[in-house]
Amino acid sequence: KGEFRIWVKLKYTKMEGGIRGTRTYYYLPNVPYTQYFYKGYGLHGTYWHNNFGRTMSHGCVNLSIPDAEKLFYWTSPVVPPGKKIAYPSKENPGTRVIIHD
């Protein structure tokens, strides 16, 4: 819970975490339209499930890929043409993200 700002946007990225050999490990290549707002927590497209509205994550906000794409291009920092990553700056700040119950 809290108020944050997007600190990096990636058109796609690898996500990996948890503990190998347990039910907590995950390896997800090419996660689309990722926008991190707090440490490793972010908004991103999800190709591995369609159970939106139910807890399916280690803390990220899972979105359908079309919704994640729309949000990615609506928020800032703006990703420059031909680039796949953007960091905020004074001229191109990160959009505010509010997480609540």
PDB file of N, CA and C in Angstrom:
ATOM      1  N   LYS A   1       0.847  -1.183   0.000  1.00  0.00           N
ATOM      2  CA  LYS A   1       0.000   0.000   0.000  1.00  0.00           C
ATOM      3  C   LYS A   1       0.882   1.232   0.000  1.00  0.00           C
ATOM      4  N   GLY A   2       0.435   2.255  -0.687  1.00  0.00           N
ATOM      5  CA  GLY A   2       1.167   3.502  -0.683  1.00  0.00           C
ATOM      6  C   GLY A   2       1.084   4.220  -2.008  1.00  0.00           C
ATOM      7  N   GLU A   3       1.823   5.327  -2.066  1.00  0.00           N
ATOM      8  CA  GLU A   3       1.893   6.150  -3.267  1.00  0.00           C
ATOM      9  C   GLU A   3       3.312   6.074  -3.814  1.00  0.00           C
ATOM     10  N   PHE A   4       3.429   5.797  -5.093  1.00  0.00           N
ATOM     11  CA  PHE A   4       4.724   5.575  -5.722  1.00  0.00           C
ATOM     12  C   PHE A   4       4.769   6.291  -7.064  1.00  0.00           C
ATOM     13  N   ARG A   5       5.910   6.216  -7.730  1.00  0.00           N
ATOM     14  CA  ARG A   5       6.063   6.717  -9.099  1.00  0.00           C
ATOM     15  C   ARG A   5       6.751   5.640  -9.919  1.00  0.00           C
ATOM     16  N   ILE A   6       6.366   5.523 -11.176  1.00  0.00           N
ATOM     17  CA  ILE A   6       7.026   4.570 -12.069  1.00  0.00           C
ATOM     18  C   ILE A   6       8.490   4.963 -12.174  1.00  0.00           C
ATOM     19  N   TRP A   7       9.374   4.013 -11.857  1.00  0.00           N
ATOM     20  CA  TRP A   7      10.819   4.321 -11.877  1.00  0.00           C
ATOM     21  C   TRP A   7      11.536   3.720 -13.087  1.00  0.00           C
ATOM     22  N   VAL A   8      10.878   2.815 -13.806  1.00  0.00           N
ATOM     23  CA  VAL A   8      11.421   2.319 -15.074  1.00  0.00           C
ATOM     24  C   VAL A   8      10.291   1.651 -15.847  1.00  0.00           C
ATOM     25  N   LYS A   9      10.337   1.797 -17.181  1.00  0.00           N
ATOM     26  CA  LYS A   9       9.394   1.123 -18.073  1.00  0.00           C
ATOM     27  C   LYS A   9      10.200   0.292 -19.058  1.00  0.00           C
ATOM     28  N   LEU A  10       9.790  -0.967 -19.243  1.00  0.00           N
ATOM     29  CA  LEU A  10      10.461  -1.878 -20.168  1.00  0.00           C
ATOM     30  C   LEU A  10       9.415  -2.490 -21.089  1.00  0.00           C
ATOM     31  N   LYS A  11       9.662  -2.432 -22.377  1.00  0.00           N
ATOM     32  CA  LYS A  11       8.697  -3.004 -23.323  1.00  0.00           C
ATOM     33  C   LYS A  11       8.510  -4.496 -23.070  1.00  0.00           C
ATOM     34  N   TYR A  12       9.567  -5.176 -22.663  1.00  0.00           N
ATOM     35  CA  TYR A  12       9.488  -6.565 -22.200  1.00  0.00           C
ATOM     36  C   TYR A  12      10.703  -6.841 -21.321  1.00  0.00           C
ATOM     37  N   THR A  13      10.554  -7.786 -20.408  1.00  0.00           N
ATOM     38  CA  THR A  13      11.643  -8.124 -19.494  1.00  0.00           C
ATOM     39  C   THR A  13      11.461  -9.535 -18.958  1.00  0.00           C
ATOM     40  N   LYS A  14      12.528 -10.101 -18.430  1.00  0.00           N
ATOM     41  CA  LYS A  14      12.471 -11.405 -17.765  1.00  0.00           C
ATOM     42  C   LYS A  14      12.147 -11.173 -16.289  1.00  0.00           C
ATOM     43  N   MET A  15      11.266 -12.014 -15.745  1.00  0.00           N
ATOM     44  CA  MET A  15      10.975 -11.994 -14.311  1.00  0.00           C
ATOM     45  C   MET A  15      11.277 -13.375 -13.758  1.00  0.00           C
ATOM     46  N   GLU A  16      12.004 -13.397 -12.659  1.00  0.00           N
ATOM     47  CA  GLU A  16      12.398 -14.657 -12.033  1.00  0.00           C
ATOM     48  C   GLU A  16      12.521 -14.418 -10.538  1.00  0.00           C
ATOM     49  N   GLY A  17      12.073 -15.370  -9.744  1.00  0.00           N
ATOM     50  CA  GLY A  17      12.170 -15.203  -8.297  1.00  0.00           C
ATOM     51  C   GLY A  17      11.663 -16.413  -7.556  1.00  0.00           C
ATOM     52  N   GLY A  18      11.517 -16.255  -6.254  1.00  0.00           N
ATOM     53  CA  GLY A  18      11.112 -17.357  -5.407  1.00  0.00           C
ATOM     54  C   GLY A  18      12.284 -18.291  -5.155  1.00  0.00           C
ATOM     55  N   ILE A  19      11.990 -19.488  -4.705  1.00  0.00           N
ATOM     56  CA  ILE A  19      13.017 -20.473  -4.367  1.00  0.00           C
ATOM     57  C   ILE A  19      12.840 -21.708  -5.239  1.00  0.00           C
ATOM     58  N   ARG A  20      13.929 -22.085  -5.938  1.00  0.00           N
ATOM     59  CA  ARG A  20      13.886 -23.286  -6.777  1.00  0.00           C
ATOM     60  C   ARG A  20      13.534 -24.500  -5.923  1.00  0.00           C
ATOM     61  N   GLY A  21      12.782 -25.439  -6.500  1.00  0.00           N
ATOM     62  CA  GLY A  21      12.399 -26.650  -5.790  1.00  0.00           C
ATOM     63  C   GLY A  21      11.211 -26.476  -4.861  1.00  0.00           C
ATOM     64  N   THR A  22      10.666 -25.284  -4.818  1.00  0.00           N
ATOM     65  CA  THR A  22       9.471 -25.051  -4.006  1.00  0.00           C
ATOM     66  C   THR A  22       8.370 -24.520  -4.923  1.00  0.00           C
ATOM     67  N   ARG A  23       7.222 -24.354  -4.378  1.00  0.00           N
ATOM     68  CA  ARG A  23       6.105 -23.832  -5.173  1.00  0.00           C
ATOM     69  C   ARG A  23       6.157 -22.314  -5.324  1.00  0.00           C
ATOM     70  N   THR A  24       7.257 -21.694  -4.881  1.00  0.00           N
ATOM     71  CA  THR A  24       7.358 -20.241  -4.972  1.00  0.00           C
ATOM     72  C   THR A  24       8.178 -19.780  -6.172  1.00  0.00           C
ATOM     73  N   TYR A  25       8.912 -20.695  -6.810  1.00  0.00           N
ATOM     74  CA  TYR A  25       9.801 -20.304  -7.898  1.00  0.00           C
ATOM     75  C   TYR A  25       9.020 -19.992  -9.174  1.00  0.00           C
ATOM     76  N   TYR A  26       9.458 -18.940  -9.870  1.00  0.00           N
ATOM     77  CA  TYR A  26       8.876 -18.616 -11.173  1.00  0.00           C
ATOM     78  C   TYR A  26       9.965 -18.099 -12.106  1.00  0.00           C
ATOM     79  N   TYR A  27       9.799 -18.374 -13.380  1.00  0.00           N
ATOM     80  CA  TYR A  27      10.688 -17.899 -14.433  1.00  0.00           C
ATOM     81  C   TYR A  27       9.801 -17.522 -15.605  1.00  0.00           C
ATOM     82  N   LEU A  28       9.759 -16.249 -15.913  1.00  0.00           N
ATOM     83  CA  LEU A  28       8.855 -15.736 -16.945  1.00  0.00           C
ATOM     84  C   LEU A  28       9.632 -14.859 -17.923  1.00  0.00           C
ATOM     85  N   PRO A  29      10.020 -15.404 -19.075  1.00  0.00           N
ATOM     86  CA  PRO A  29      10.722 -14.587 -20.065  1.00  0.00           C
ATOM     87  C   PRO A  29       9.752 -13.684 -20.828  1.00  0.00           C
ATOM     88  N   ASN A  30      10.260 -12.576 -21.281  1.00  0.00           N
ATOM     89  CA  ASN A  30       9.505 -11.672 -22.170  1.00  0.00           C
ATOM     90  C   ASN A  30       8.165 -11.211 -21.609  1.00  0.00           C
ATOM     91  N   VAL A  31       8.156 -10.788 -20.349  1.00  0.00           N
ATOM     92  CA  VAL A  31       6.940 -10.229 -19.758  1.00  0.00           C
ATOM     93  C   VAL A  31       6.725  -8.857 -20.406  1.00  0.00           C
ATOM     94  N   PRO A  32       5.568  -8.673 -21.055  1.00  0.00           N
ATOM     95  CA  PRO A  32       5.371  -7.447 -21.837  1.00  0.00           C
ATOM     96  C   PRO A  32       4.888  -6.251 -21.015  1.00  0.00           C
ATOM     97  N   TYR A  33       5.280  -5.071 -21.487  1.00  0.00           N
ATOM     98  CA  TYR A  33       4.764  -3.791 -20.999  1.00  0.00           C
ATOM     99  C   TYR A  33       4.888  -3.658 -19.478  1.00  0.00           C
ATOM    100  N   THR A  34       6.117  -3.818 -18.996  1.00  0.00           N
ATOM    101  CA  THR A  34       6.395  -3.793 -17.562  1.00  0.00           C
ATOM    102  C   THR A  34       6.711  -2.371 -17.113  1.00  0.00           C
ATOM    103  N   GLN A  35       6.082  -1.975 -16.005  1.00  0.00           N
ATOM    104  CA  GLN A  35       6.303  -0.655 -15.409  1.00  0.00           C
ATOM    105  C   GLN A  35       6.510  -0.844 -13.912  1.00  0.00           C
ATOM    106  N   TYR A  36       7.763  -0.780 -13.482  1.00  0.00           N
ATOM    107  CA  TYR A  36       8.059  -0.945 -12.058  1.00  0.00           C
ATOM    108  C   TYR A  36       7.801   0.363 -11.323  1.00  0.00           C
ATOM    109  N   PHE A  37       7.128   0.239 -10.171  1.00  0.00           N
ATOM    110  CA  PHE A  37       6.813   1.434  -9.380  1.00  0.00           C
ATOM    111  C   PHE A  37       7.382   1.378  -7.974  1.00  0.00           C
ATOM    112  N   TYR A  38       7.757   0.194  -7.491  1.00  0.00           N
ATOM    113  CA  TYR A  38       8.361   0.065  -6.158  1.00  0.00           C
ATOM    114  C   TYR A  38       9.230  -1.185  -6.154  1.00  0.00           C
ATOM    115  N   LYS A  39      10.540  -1.007  -6.052  1.00  0.00           N
ATOM    116  CA  LYS A  39      11.486  -2.123  -6.080  1.00  0.00           C
ATOM    117  C   LYS A  39      11.143  -3.035  -7.252  1.00  0.00           C
ATOM    118  N   GLY A  40      10.849  -4.331  -6.979  1.00  0.00           N
ATOM    119  CA  GLY A  40      10.510  -5.277  -8.037  1.00  0.00           C
ATOM    120  C   GLY A  40       9.021  -5.429  -8.283  1.00  0.00           C
ATOM    121  N   TYR A  41       8.215  -4.503  -7.779  1.00  0.00           N
ATOM    122  CA  TYR A  41       6.768  -4.551  -7.964  1.00  0.00           C
ATOM    123  C   TYR A  41       6.387  -3.660  -9.141  1.00  0.00           C
ATOM    124  N   GLY A  42       5.526  -4.190  -9.987  1.00  0.00           N
ATOM    125  CA  GLY A  42       5.162  -3.411 -11.158  1.00  0.00           C
ATOM    126  C   GLY A  42       3.809  -3.764 -11.726  1.00  0.00           C
ATOM    127  N   LEU A  43       3.469  -3.041 -12.757  1.00  0.00           N
ATOM    128  CA  LEU A  43       2.295  -3.294 -13.590  1.00  0.00           C
ATOM    129  C   LEU A  43       2.830  -3.968 -14.844  1.00  0.00           C
ATOM    130  N   HIS A  44       2.183  -5.033 -15.310  1.00  0.00           N
ATOM    131  CA  HIS A  44       2.696  -5.689 -16.521  1.00  0.00           C
ATOM    132  C   HIS A  44       1.651  -6.581 -17.169  1.00  0.00           C
ATOM    133  N   GLY A  45       1.880  -6.852 -18.448  1.00  0.00           N
ATOM    134  CA  GLY A  45       1.042  -7.801 -19.175  1.00  0.00           C
ATOM    135  C   GLY A  45       1.306  -9.212 -18.671  1.00  0.00           C
ATOM    136  N   THR A  46       0.294 -10.060 -18.820  1.00  0.00           N
ATOM    137  CA  THR A  46       0.372 -11.417 -18.288  1.00  0.00           C
ATOM    138  C   THR A  46      -0.102 -12.406 -19.341  1.00  0.00           C
ATOM    139  N   TYR A  47       0.802 -13.294 -19.760  1.00  0.00           N
ATOM    140  CA  TYR A  47       0.454 -14.298 -20.769  1.00  0.00           C
ATOM    141  C   TYR A  47       0.243 -15.684 -20.170  1.00  0.00           C
ATOM    142  N   TRP A  48       0.482 -15.876 -18.880  1.00  0.00           N
ATOM    143  CA  TRP A  48       0.457 -17.205 -18.274  1.00  0.00           C
ATOM    144  C   TRP A  48      -0.830 -17.513 -17.515  1.00  0.00           C
ATOM    145  N   HIS A  49      -1.761 -16.573 -17.442  1.00  0.00           N
ATOM    146  CA  HIS A  49      -3.062 -16.870 -16.826  1.00  0.00           C
ATOM    147  C   HIS A  49      -4.102 -15.863 -17.291  1.00  0.00           C
ATOM    148  N   ASN A  50      -5.363 -16.174 -17.035  1.00  0.00           N
ATOM    149  CA  ASN A  50      -6.488 -15.275 -17.320  1.00  0.00           C
ATOM    150  C   ASN A  50      -7.360 -15.094 -16.086  1.00  0.00           C
ATOM    151  N   ASN A  51      -6.813 -15.325 -14.905  1.00  0.00           N
ATOM    152  CA  ASN A  51      -7.582 -15.236 -13.658  1.00  0.00           C
ATOM    153  C   ASN A  51      -7.492 -13.838 -13.056  1.00  0.00           C
ATOM    154  N   PHE A  52      -7.773 -12.832 -13.839  1.00  0.00           N
ATOM    155  CA  PHE A  52      -7.674 -11.458 -13.354  1.00  0.00           C
ATOM    156  C   PHE A  52      -8.726 -11.213 -12.282  1.00  0.00           C
ATOM    157  N   GLY A  53      -8.327 -10.452 -11.249  1.00  0.00           N
ATOM    158  CA  GLY A  53      -9.205 -10.188 -10.115  1.00  0.00           C
ATOM    159  C   GLY A  53      -8.971 -11.155  -8.970  1.00  0.00           C
ATOM    160  N   ARG A  54      -8.086 -12.134  -9.158  1.00  0.00           N
ATOM    161  CA  ARG A  54      -7.725 -13.093  -8.109  1.00  0.00           C
ATOM    162  C   ARG A  54      -6.223 -13.003  -7.871  1.00  0.00           C
ATOM    163  N   THR A  55      -5.796 -13.297  -6.660  1.00  0.00           N
ATOM    164  CA  THR A  55      -4.372 -13.257  -6.346  1.00  0.00           C
ATOM    165  C   THR A  55      -3.646 -14.325  -7.153  1.00  0.00           C
ATOM    166  N   MET A  56      -2.726 -13.880  -8.012  1.00  0.00           N
ATOM    167  CA  MET A  56      -1.978 -14.795  -8.886  1.00  0.00           C
ATOM    168  C   MET A  56      -0.517 -14.363  -8.964  1.00  0.00           C
ATOM    169  N   SER A  57      -0.081 -13.514  -8.059  1.00  0.00           N
ATOM    170  CA  SER A  57       1.185 -12.837  -8.227  1.00  0.00           C
ATOM    171  C   SER A  57       1.976 -12.826  -6.934  1.00  0.00           C
ATOM    172  N   HIS A  58       3.243 -12.482  -7.056  1.00  0.00           N
ATOM    173  CA  HIS A  58       4.106 -12.279  -5.894  1.00  0.00           C
ATOM    174  C   HIS A  58       4.099 -10.807  -5.475  1.00  0.00           C
ATOM    175  N   GLY A  59       3.136 -10.050  -5.969  1.00  0.00           N
ATOM    176  CA  GLY A  59       3.001  -8.658  -5.572  1.00  0.00           C
ATOM    177  C   GLY A  59       2.784  -7.691  -6.712  1.00  0.00           C
ATOM    178  N   CYS A  60       3.017  -8.115  -7.934  1.00  0.00           N
ATOM    179  CA  CYS A  60       2.796  -7.237  -9.082  1.00  0.00           C
ATOM    180  C   CYS A  60       1.312  -7.131  -9.399  1.00  0.00           C
ATOM    181  N   VAL A  61       0.985  -6.160 -10.222  1.00  0.00           N
ATOM    182  CA  VAL A  61      -0.375  -5.995 -10.718  1.00  0.00           C
ATOM    183  C   VAL A  61      -0.407  -6.595 -12.118  1.00  0.00           C
ATOM    184  N   ASN A  62      -1.062  -7.747 -12.255  1.00  0.00           N
ATOM    185  CA  ASN A  62      -1.161  -8.453 -13.539  1.00  0.00           C
ATOM    186  C   ASN A  62      -2.292  -7.857 -14.359  1.00  0.00           C
ATOM    187  N   LEU A  63      -2.016  -7.620 -15.640  1.00  0.00           N
ATOM    188  CA  LEU A  63      -3.006  -7.064 -16.558  1.00  0.00           C
ATOM    189  C   LEU A  63      -3.069  -7.924 -17.805  1.00  0.00           C
ATOM    190  N   SER A  64      -4.198  -7.881 -18.497  1.00  0.00           N
ATOM    191  CA  SER A  64      -4.236  -8.519 -19.809  1.00  0.00           C
ATOM    192  C   SER A  64      -3.221  -7.786 -20.685  1.00  0.00           C
ATOM    193  N   ILE A  65      -2.709  -8.445 -21.687  1.00  0.00           N
ATOM    194  CA  ILE A  65      -1.695  -7.813 -22.535  1.00  0.00           C
ATOM    195  C   ILE A  65      -2.250  -6.572 -23.248  1.00  0.00           C
ATOM    196  N   PRO A  66      -3.462  -6.608 -23.815  1.00  0.00           N
ATOM    197  CA  PRO A  66      -3.977  -5.376 -24.442  1.00  0.00           C
ATOM    198  C   PRO A  66      -4.118  -4.216 -23.448  1.00  0.00           C
ATOM    199  N   ASP A  67      -4.567  -4.515 -22.228  1.00  0.00           N
ATOM    200  CA  ASP A  67      -4.693  -3.454 -21.218  1.00  0.00           C
ATOM    201  C   ASP A  67      -3.327  -2.938 -20.788  1.00  0.00           C
ATOM    202  N   ALA A  68      -2.360  -3.841 -20.612  1.00  0.00           N
ATOM    203  CA  ALA A  68      -1.004  -3.435 -20.229  1.00  0.00           C
ATOM    204  C   ALA A  68      -0.385  -2.548 -21.306  1.00  0.00           C
ATOM    205  N   GLU A  69      -0.622  -2.886 -22.571  1.00  0.00           N
ATOM    206  CA  GLU A  69      -0.082  -2.087 -23.678  1.00  0.00           C
ATOM    207  C   GLU A  69      -0.668  -0.681 -23.668  1.00  0.00           C
ATOM    208  N   LYS A  70      -1.982  -0.565 -23.500  1.00  0.00           N
ATOM    209  CA  LYS A  70      -2.630   0.755 -23.457  1.00  0.00           C
ATOM    210  C   LYS A  70      -2.072   1.586 -22.306  1.00  0.00           C
ATOM    211  N   LEU A  71      -1.959   0.973 -21.128  1.00  0.00           N
ATOM    212  CA  LEU A  71      -1.450   1.669 -19.956  1.00  0.00           C
ATOM    213  C   LEU A  71       0.009   2.086 -20.154  1.00  0.00           C
ATOM    214  N   PHE A  72       0.812   1.209 -20.751  1.00  0.00           N
ATOM    215  CA  PHE A  72       2.233   1.470 -20.999  1.00  0.00           C
ATOM    216  C   PHE A  72       2.421   2.742 -21.832  1.00  0.00           C
ATOM    217  N   TYR A  73       1.608   2.904 -22.854  1.00  0.00           N
ATOM    218  CA  TYR A  73       1.752   4.063 -23.735  1.00  0.00           C
ATOM    219  C   TYR A  73       1.023   5.301 -23.212  1.00  0.00           C
ATOM    220  N   TRP A  74       0.209   5.144 -22.184  1.00  0.00           N
ATOM    221  CA  TRP A  74      -0.510   6.263 -21.579  1.00  0.00           C
ATOM    222  C   TRP A  74       0.295   6.913 -20.465  1.00  0.00           C
ATOM    223  N   THR A  75       1.106   6.110 -19.750  1.00  0.00           N
ATOM    224  CA  THR A  75       1.857   6.598 -18.604  1.00  0.00           C
ATOM    225  C   THR A  75       3.204   7.182 -19.019  1.00  0.00           C
ATOM    226  N   SER A  76       3.852   7.816 -18.029  1.00  0.00           N
ATOM    227  CA  SER A  76       5.205   8.312 -18.239  1.00  0.00           C
ATOM    228  C   SER A  76       6.137   7.643 -17.227  1.00  0.00           C
ATOM    229  N   PRO A  77       7.416   7.592 -17.510  1.00  0.00           N
ATOM    230  CA  PRO A  77       8.106   8.306 -18.571  1.00  0.00           C
ATOM    231  C   PRO A  77       7.765   7.728 -19.945  1.00  0.00           C
ATOM    232  N   VAL A  78       7.827   8.594 -20.926  1.00  0.00           N
ATOM    233  CA  VAL A  78       7.561   8.194 -22.305  1.00  0.00           C
ATOM    234  C   VAL A  78       8.773   7.433 -22.830  1.00  0.00           C
ATOM    235  N   VAL A  79       8.524   6.302 -23.462  1.00  0.00           N
ATOM    236  CA  VAL A  79       9.597   5.532 -24.088  1.00  0.00           C
ATOM    237  C   VAL A  79       9.861   6.149 -25.466  1.00  0.00           C
ATOM    238  N   PRO A  80      11.096   6.588 -25.714  1.00  0.00           N
ATOM    239  CA  PRO A  80      11.399   7.223 -27.011  1.00  0.00           C
ATOM    240  C   PRO A  80      11.187   6.254 -28.180  1.00  0.00           C
ATOM    241  N   PRO A  81      10.844   6.781 -29.346  1.00  0.00           N
ATOM    242  CA  PRO A  81      10.672   5.925 -30.530  1.00  0.00           C
ATOM    243  C   PRO A  81      11.931   5.089 -30.781  1.00  0.00           C
ATOM    244  N   GLY A  82      11.725   3.820 -31.085  1.00  0.00           N
ATOM    245  CA  GLY A  82      12.835   2.910 -31.366  1.00  0.00           C
ATOM    246  C   GLY A  82      13.519   2.350 -30.136  1.00  0.00           C
ATOM    247  N   LYS A  83      13.116   2.787 -28.937  1.00  0.00           N
ATOM    248  CA  LYS A  83      13.717   2.308 -27.687  1.00  0.00           C
ATOM    249  C   LYS A  83      12.757   1.342 -26.998  1.00  0.00           C
ATOM    250  N   LYS A  84      13.302   0.557 -26.077  1.00  0.00           N
ATOM    251  CA  LYS A  84      12.496  -0.429 -25.354  1.00  0.00           C
ATOM    252  C   LYS A  84      12.494  -0.195 -23.850  1.00  0.00           C
ATOM    253  N   ILE A  85      13.138   0.907 -23.403  1.00  0.00           N
ATOM    254  CA  ILE A  85      13.251   1.197 -21.976  1.00  0.00           C
ATOM    255  C   ILE A  85      13.245   2.704 -21.768  1.00  0.00           C
ATOM    256  N   ALA A  86      12.700   3.129 -20.621  1.00  0.00           N
ATOM    257  CA  ALA A  86      12.727   4.548 -20.268  1.00  0.00           C
ATOM    258  C   ALA A  86      12.807   4.689 -18.751  1.00  0.00           C
ATOM    259  N   TYR A  87      13.619   5.653 -18.331  1.00  0.00           N
ATOM    260  CA  TYR A  87      13.712   6.041 -16.922  1.00  0.00           C
ATOM    261  C   TYR A  87      13.151   7.448 -16.794  1.00  0.00           C
ATOM    262  N   PRO A  88      12.560   7.774 -15.646  1.00  0.00           N
ATOM    263  CA  PRO A  88      12.023   9.123 -15.488  1.00  0.00           C
ATOM    264  C   PRO A  88      13.138  10.161 -15.371  1.00  0.00           C
ATOM    265  N   SER A  89      12.774  11.386 -15.677  1.00  0.00           N
ATOM    266  CA  SER A  89      13.667  12.530 -15.524  1.00  0.00           C
ATOM    267  C   SER A  89      12.807  13.709 -15.091  1.00  0.00           C
ATOM    268  N   LYS A  90      13.452  14.827 -14.857  1.00  0.00           N
ATOM    269  CA  LYS A  90      12.701  16.024 -14.479  1.00  0.00           C
ATOM    270  C   LYS A  90      11.714  16.406 -15.582  1.00  0.00           C
ATOM    271  N   GLU A  91      12.144  16.274 -16.838  1.00  0.00           N
ATOM    272  CA  GLU A  91      11.301  16.625 -17.980  1.00  0.00           C
ATOM    273  C   GLU A  91      10.309  15.516 -18.359  1.00  0.00           C
ATOM    274  N   ASN A  92      10.555  14.301 -17.901  1.00  0.00           N
ATOM    275  CA  ASN A  92       9.775  13.114 -18.280  1.00  0.00           C
ATOM    276  C   ASN A  92       9.550  12.267 -17.016  1.00  0.00           C
ATOM    277  N   PRO A  93       8.770  12.794 -16.040  1.00  0.00           N
ATOM    278  CA  PRO A  93       8.631  12.107 -14.747  1.00  0.00           C
ATOM    279  C   PRO A  93       7.792  10.833 -14.833  1.00  0.00           C
ATOM    280  N   GLY A  94       7.951   9.987 -13.834  1.00  0.00           N
ATOM    281  CA  GLY A  94       7.150   8.761 -13.768  1.00  0.00           C
ATOM    282  C   GLY A  94       5.747   9.052 -13.277  1.00  0.00           C
ATOM    283  N   THR A  95       4.773   8.405 -13.868  1.00  0.00           N
ATOM    284  CA  THR A  95       3.378   8.558 -13.456  1.00  0.00           C
ATOM    285  C   THR A  95       3.211   8.072 -12.012  1.00  0.00           C
ATOM    286  N   ARG A  96       2.353   8.749 -11.274  1.00  0.00           N
ATOM    287  CA  ARG A  96       2.046   8.371  -9.901  1.00  0.00           C
ATOM    288  C   ARG A  96       1.167   7.121  -9.899  1.00  0.00           C
ATOM    289  N   VAL A  97       1.495   6.192  -9.007  1.00  0.00           N
ATOM    290  CA  VAL A  97       0.747   4.936  -8.845  1.00  0.00           C
ATOM    291  C   VAL A  97       0.326   4.856  -7.384  1.00  0.00           C
ATOM    292  N   ILE A  98      -0.972   4.665  -7.141  1.00  0.00           N
ATOM    293  CA  ILE A  98      -1.477   4.529  -5.779  1.00  0.00           C
ATOM    294  C   ILE A  98      -2.005   3.120  -5.606  1.00  0.00           C
ATOM    295  N   ILE A  99      -1.472   2.407  -4.620  1.00  0.00           N
ATOM    296  CA  ILE A  99      -1.888   1.042  -4.318  1.00  0.00           C
ATOM    297  C   ILE A  99      -2.650   1.061  -2.991  1.00  0.00           C
ATOM    298  N   HIS A 100      -3.860   0.514  -3.021  1.00  0.00           N
ATOM    299  CA  HIS A 100      -4.687   0.470  -1.802  1.00  0.00           C
ATOM    300  C   HIS A 100      -5.459  -0.840  -1.756  1.00  0.00           C
ATOM    301  N   ASP A 101      -6.128  -1.086  -0.637  1.00  0.00           N
ATOM    302  CA  ASP A 101      -6.966  -2.284  -0.500  1.00  0.00           C
ATOM    303  C   ASP A 101      -8.106  -2.242  -1.477  1.00  0.00           C
TER     304      ASP A 101
END
